[in-house]
N, C-alpha and C. Protein backbone atom coordinates (compact mmCIF):
# COMPACT_ATOMS: atom_id res chain seq x y z
N UNK A 1 189.91 136.22 120.07
CA UNK A 1 188.70 136.12 119.29
C UNK A 1 188.59 134.72 118.70
N UNK A 2 187.46 134.10 118.91
CA UNK A 2 187.25 132.75 118.43
C UNK A 2 186.33 132.77 117.20
N UNK A 3 186.69 132.02 116.18
CA UNK A 3 185.91 131.98 114.94
C UNK A 3 185.20 130.64 114.86
N UNK A 4 183.91 130.68 114.66
CA UNK A 4 183.13 129.47 114.47
C UNK A 4 183.18 129.12 112.98
N UNK A 5 183.80 127.99 112.64
CA UNK A 5 183.97 127.62 111.24
C UNK A 5 182.64 127.38 110.53
N UNK A 6 181.58 127.06 111.29
CA UNK A 6 180.28 126.83 110.68
C UNK A 6 179.65 128.14 110.20
N UNK A 7 180.13 129.27 110.67
CA UNK A 7 179.55 130.55 110.29
C UNK A 7 180.27 131.22 109.12
N UNK A 8 181.38 130.66 108.69
CA UNK A 8 182.11 131.24 107.57
C UNK A 8 181.41 130.86 106.28
N UNK A 9 181.06 131.86 105.46
CA UNK A 9 180.35 131.55 104.23
C UNK A 9 180.87 132.31 103.03
N UNK A 10 182.03 132.92 103.14
CA UNK A 10 182.59 133.66 102.00
C UNK A 10 184.05 133.30 101.81
N UNK A 11 184.42 133.25 100.56
CA UNK A 11 185.82 133.03 100.21
C UNK A 11 186.22 134.14 99.26
N UNK A 12 187.20 134.91 99.65
CA UNK A 12 187.69 135.99 98.81
C UNK A 12 189.05 135.57 98.27
N UNK A 13 189.17 135.56 96.96
CA UNK A 13 190.41 135.13 96.32
C UNK A 13 191.05 136.34 95.65
N UNK A 14 192.23 136.68 96.11
CA UNK A 14 193.00 137.77 95.52
C UNK A 14 194.35 137.19 95.15
N UNK A 15 194.73 137.29 93.93
CA UNK A 15 195.99 136.66 93.55
C UNK A 15 196.84 137.54 92.66
N UNK A 16 198.10 137.59 92.99
CA UNK A 16 199.05 138.25 92.13
C UNK A 16 200.32 137.40 91.99
N UNK A 17 200.29 136.19 92.54
CA UNK A 17 201.42 135.28 92.43
C UNK A 17 202.45 135.43 93.53
N UNK A 18 202.32 136.47 94.34
CA UNK A 18 203.30 136.70 95.40
C UNK A 18 203.29 135.56 96.40
N UNK A 19 202.11 135.09 96.76
CA UNK A 19 202.00 134.00 97.72
C UNK A 19 202.68 132.73 97.21
N UNK A 20 202.48 132.42 95.95
CA UNK A 20 203.11 131.24 95.36
C UNK A 20 204.62 131.40 95.28
N UNK A 21 205.06 132.58 94.96
CA UNK A 21 206.50 132.86 94.88
C UNK A 21 207.17 132.67 96.24
N UNK A 22 206.42 132.94 97.30
CA UNK A 22 206.93 132.78 98.66
C UNK A 22 206.82 131.35 99.16
N UNK A 23 206.27 130.46 98.33
CA UNK A 23 206.19 129.06 98.71
C UNK A 23 204.96 128.70 99.54
N UNK A 24 203.99 129.60 99.61
CA UNK A 24 202.77 129.31 100.37
C UNK A 24 201.89 128.34 99.60
N UNK A 25 201.26 127.45 100.31
CA UNK A 25 200.34 126.50 99.69
C UNK A 25 198.98 127.16 99.60
N UNK A 26 198.78 127.95 98.56
CA UNK A 26 197.55 128.74 98.45
C UNK A 26 196.86 128.55 97.10
N UNK A 27 197.19 127.48 96.41
CA UNK A 27 196.49 127.21 95.16
C UNK A 27 195.15 126.56 95.46
N UNK A 28 194.26 126.54 94.48
CA UNK A 28 192.95 125.92 94.66
C UNK A 28 193.09 124.49 95.14
N UNK A 29 194.02 123.75 94.54
CA UNK A 29 194.18 122.34 94.92
C UNK A 29 194.57 122.21 96.39
N UNK A 30 195.38 123.14 96.90
CA UNK A 30 195.77 123.10 98.31
C UNK A 30 194.57 123.37 99.21
N UNK A 31 193.73 124.32 98.81
CA UNK A 31 192.53 124.64 99.57
C UNK A 31 191.61 123.43 99.64
N UNK A 32 191.34 122.81 98.50
CA UNK A 32 190.43 121.67 98.49
C UNK A 32 191.03 120.46 99.20
N UNK A 33 192.34 120.27 99.09
CA UNK A 33 192.98 119.18 99.85
C UNK A 33 192.79 119.38 101.34
N UNK A 34 192.94 120.61 101.81
CA UNK A 34 192.73 120.90 103.23
C UNK A 34 191.28 120.66 103.64
N UNK A 35 190.34 121.05 102.81
CA UNK A 35 188.93 120.83 103.11
C UNK A 35 188.64 119.34 103.22
N UNK A 36 189.17 118.55 102.29
CA UNK A 36 188.92 117.11 102.34
C UNK A 36 189.58 116.49 103.56
N UNK A 37 190.74 116.98 103.97
CA UNK A 37 191.39 116.48 105.19
C UNK A 37 190.52 116.76 106.40
N UNK A 38 189.93 117.95 106.47
CA UNK A 38 189.06 118.31 107.59
C UNK A 38 187.85 117.38 107.62
N UNK A 39 187.26 117.12 106.46
CA UNK A 39 186.10 116.23 106.39
C UNK A 39 186.48 114.81 106.82
N UNK A 40 187.66 114.34 106.42
CA UNK A 40 188.12 113.01 106.83
C UNK A 40 188.30 112.95 108.34
N UNK A 41 188.86 113.99 108.93
CA UNK A 41 189.05 114.04 110.37
C UNK A 41 187.70 113.99 111.09
N UNK A 42 186.72 114.76 110.59
CA UNK A 42 185.39 114.76 111.19
C UNK A 42 184.76 113.37 111.12
N UNK A 43 184.91 112.69 109.98
CA UNK A 43 184.34 111.35 109.83
C UNK A 43 185.00 110.37 110.80
N UNK A 44 186.33 110.46 110.93
CA UNK A 44 187.05 109.57 111.84
C UNK A 44 186.65 109.82 113.28
N UNK A 45 186.48 111.08 113.66
CA UNK A 45 186.05 111.40 115.01
C UNK A 45 184.66 110.85 115.27
N UNK A 46 183.79 110.97 114.28
CA UNK A 46 182.43 110.46 114.42
C UNK A 46 182.45 108.94 114.59
N UNK A 47 183.26 108.25 113.80
CA UNK A 47 183.37 106.80 113.92
C UNK A 47 183.94 106.39 115.28
N UNK A 48 184.93 107.13 115.75
CA UNK A 48 185.51 106.85 117.06
C UNK A 48 184.48 107.01 118.17
N UNK A 49 183.64 108.03 118.05
CA UNK A 49 182.60 108.23 119.05
C UNK A 49 181.57 107.12 119.01
N UNK A 50 181.26 106.62 117.82
CA UNK A 50 180.30 105.54 117.69
C UNK A 50 180.87 104.25 118.28
N UNK A 51 182.17 104.03 118.17
CA UNK A 51 182.79 102.83 118.71
C UNK A 51 182.75 102.82 120.23
N UNK A 52 182.73 104.01 120.85
CA UNK A 52 182.71 104.10 122.31
C UNK A 52 181.36 103.76 122.89
N UNK A 53 180.34 103.79 122.06
CA UNK A 53 178.98 103.53 122.56
C UNK A 53 178.75 102.07 122.79
């Protein structure tokens, strides 16, 4: 099953601390850091495509 990231529009947050206790990077700051990394990658890909023209 393939998920189109452009169609995701909900974020469900359930927390009891178990994820953090297990060492998972699931805090808000981790989520936003990942989002910004994705945006940076998209910008770099776009710039690379423009350089090829």
